[in-house]
Protein backbone atom coordinates (compact mmCIF):
# COMPACT_ATOMS: atom_id res chain seq x y z
CA MET A 1 -5.49 -0.14 -18.04
CA LYS A 2 -2.77 -2.48 -16.89
CA SER A 3 -2.98 -4.47 -13.69
CA GLU A 4 -0.54 -6.63 -11.76
CA ASP A 5 -1.25 -9.59 -9.50
CA THR A 6 -0.09 -8.34 -6.10
CA PRO A 7 0.17 -10.42 -2.87
CA PHE A 8 -1.24 -9.18 0.44
CA GLU A 9 0.25 -9.91 3.88
CA GLY A 10 -1.47 -9.61 7.24
CA GLY A 11 -5.02 -8.73 8.12
CA PRO A 12 -8.07 -10.35 6.53
CA LEU A 13 -6.49 -10.47 3.05
CA ASP A 14 -3.43 -12.42 4.24
CA GLY A 15 -2.22 -14.85 1.57
CA ARG A 16 -4.45 -13.51 -1.19
CA VAL A 17 -3.18 -12.32 -4.55
CA LEU A 18 -5.38 -9.68 -6.16
CA PRO A 19 -5.09 -7.79 -9.45
CA VAL A 20 -4.23 -4.15 -8.66
CA LEU A 21 -4.43 -1.40 -11.28
CA LEU A 22 -1.11 0.24 -12.10
CA GLY A 23 -0.66 4.00 -12.31
CA MET A 24 0.91 5.97 -15.13
CA THR A 25 4.39 5.14 -13.79
CA GLY A 26 3.70 1.40 -13.90
CA HIS A 27 3.53 1.07 -10.12
CA PRO A 28 0.53 0.17 -7.95
CA PRO A 29 -0.71 2.85 -5.50
CA LYS A 30 1.29 3.43 -2.29
CA THR A 31 -1.76 2.73 -0.13
CA TYR A 32 -4.59 0.33 -0.89
CA ARG A 33 -7.83 0.88 1.00
CA VAL A 34 -10.45 -1.87 1.23
CA PRO A 35 -13.90 -0.81 2.53
CA VAL A 36 -15.62 -3.55 4.54
CA PRO A 37 -19.35 -3.11 5.26
CA GLY A 38 -20.25 -3.05 8.93
CA PRO A 39 -22.41 -5.76 10.48
CA ASP A 40 -26.16 -5.13 10.09
CA GLY A 41 -25.56 -2.06 7.93
CA GLY A 42 -23.49 -0.27 10.59
CA GLU A 43 -20.47 1.94 10.13
CA PRO A 44 -18.10 0.48 7.48
CA THR A 45 -14.49 -0.35 8.36
CA VAL A 46 -11.65 0.57 6.01
CA LEU A 47 -8.65 -1.76 5.92
CA VAL A 48 -5.40 -0.07 4.91
CA TYR A 49 -2.51 -1.84 3.21
CA LEU A 50 0.85 -0.18 2.45
CA ARG A 51 2.98 -0.95 -0.61
CA VAL A 52 6.45 -2.33 0.14
CA PRO A 53 9.09 -3.97 -2.10
CA ARG A 54 8.45 -7.71 -2.48
CA SER A 55 12.10 -8.69 -2.73
CA PRO A 56 15.33 -7.13 -3.94
CA SER A 57 15.74 -7.43 -7.68
CA GLY A 58 18.90 -8.35 -9.53
CA ARG A 59 19.09 -4.89 -11.09
CA VAL A 60 20.72 -2.13 -9.08
CA GLY A 61 18.38 0.64 -7.94
CA LEU A 62 15.25 -0.90 -9.46
CA ARG A 63 12.50 -2.93 -7.87
CA ASP A 64 10.36 -5.07 -10.11
CA ARG A 65 7.58 -6.23 -7.84
CA TRP A 66 5.58 -4.97 -4.89
CA LYS A 67 3.41 -6.43 -2.15
CA TYR A 68 0.97 -4.91 0.32
CA VAL A 69 1.36 -5.20 4.09
CA HIS A 70 -1.56 -4.60 6.47
CA ALA A 71 -1.39 -1.37 8.50
CA PRO A 72 -3.57 -2.10 11.56
CA GLU A 73 -3.39 1.54 12.72
CA GLY A 74 -5.25 2.47 9.54
CA LYS A 75 -2.97 5.16 8.18
CA PRO A 76 0.37 5.42 6.41
CA THR A 77 3.43 5.57 8.63
CA GLY A 78 5.08 8.94 8.91
CA ARG A 79 4.99 12.06 6.81
CA ARG A 80 6.72 12.78 3.54
CA ASN A 81 10.04 14.45 4.24
CA TRP A 82 11.03 16.75 1.42
CA PRO A 83 14.78 17.24 0.99
CA TRP A 84 14.52 21.01 1.33
CA THR A 85 12.57 20.97 4.62
CA ARG A 86 14.35 21.33 7.90
CA PRO A 87 13.34 19.00 10.77
CA GLY A 88 10.52 20.46 12.86
CA THR A 89 9.22 22.88 10.18
CA HIS A 90 6.33 20.84 8.77
CA GLY A 91 3.92 23.78 8.73
């Protein structure tokens, strides 16, 4: 499987560059979860990082690289909004 060195911003992994496995589309996952063991064998904490574009590329409509930004609230922001769904009908 292919991997890509991906930088992390914020949280405990700030400034680190880790190899992240790429999916079938050639992109890293949208969310990256890092389990951290709790002190003295307690409840583990899960750090959540969200994939964002690293910088605009020179090619129109394409992004070459990604980075992960720490999400302190622990979950992705917002819900997927499908084009055929009307506002307020998320079932």
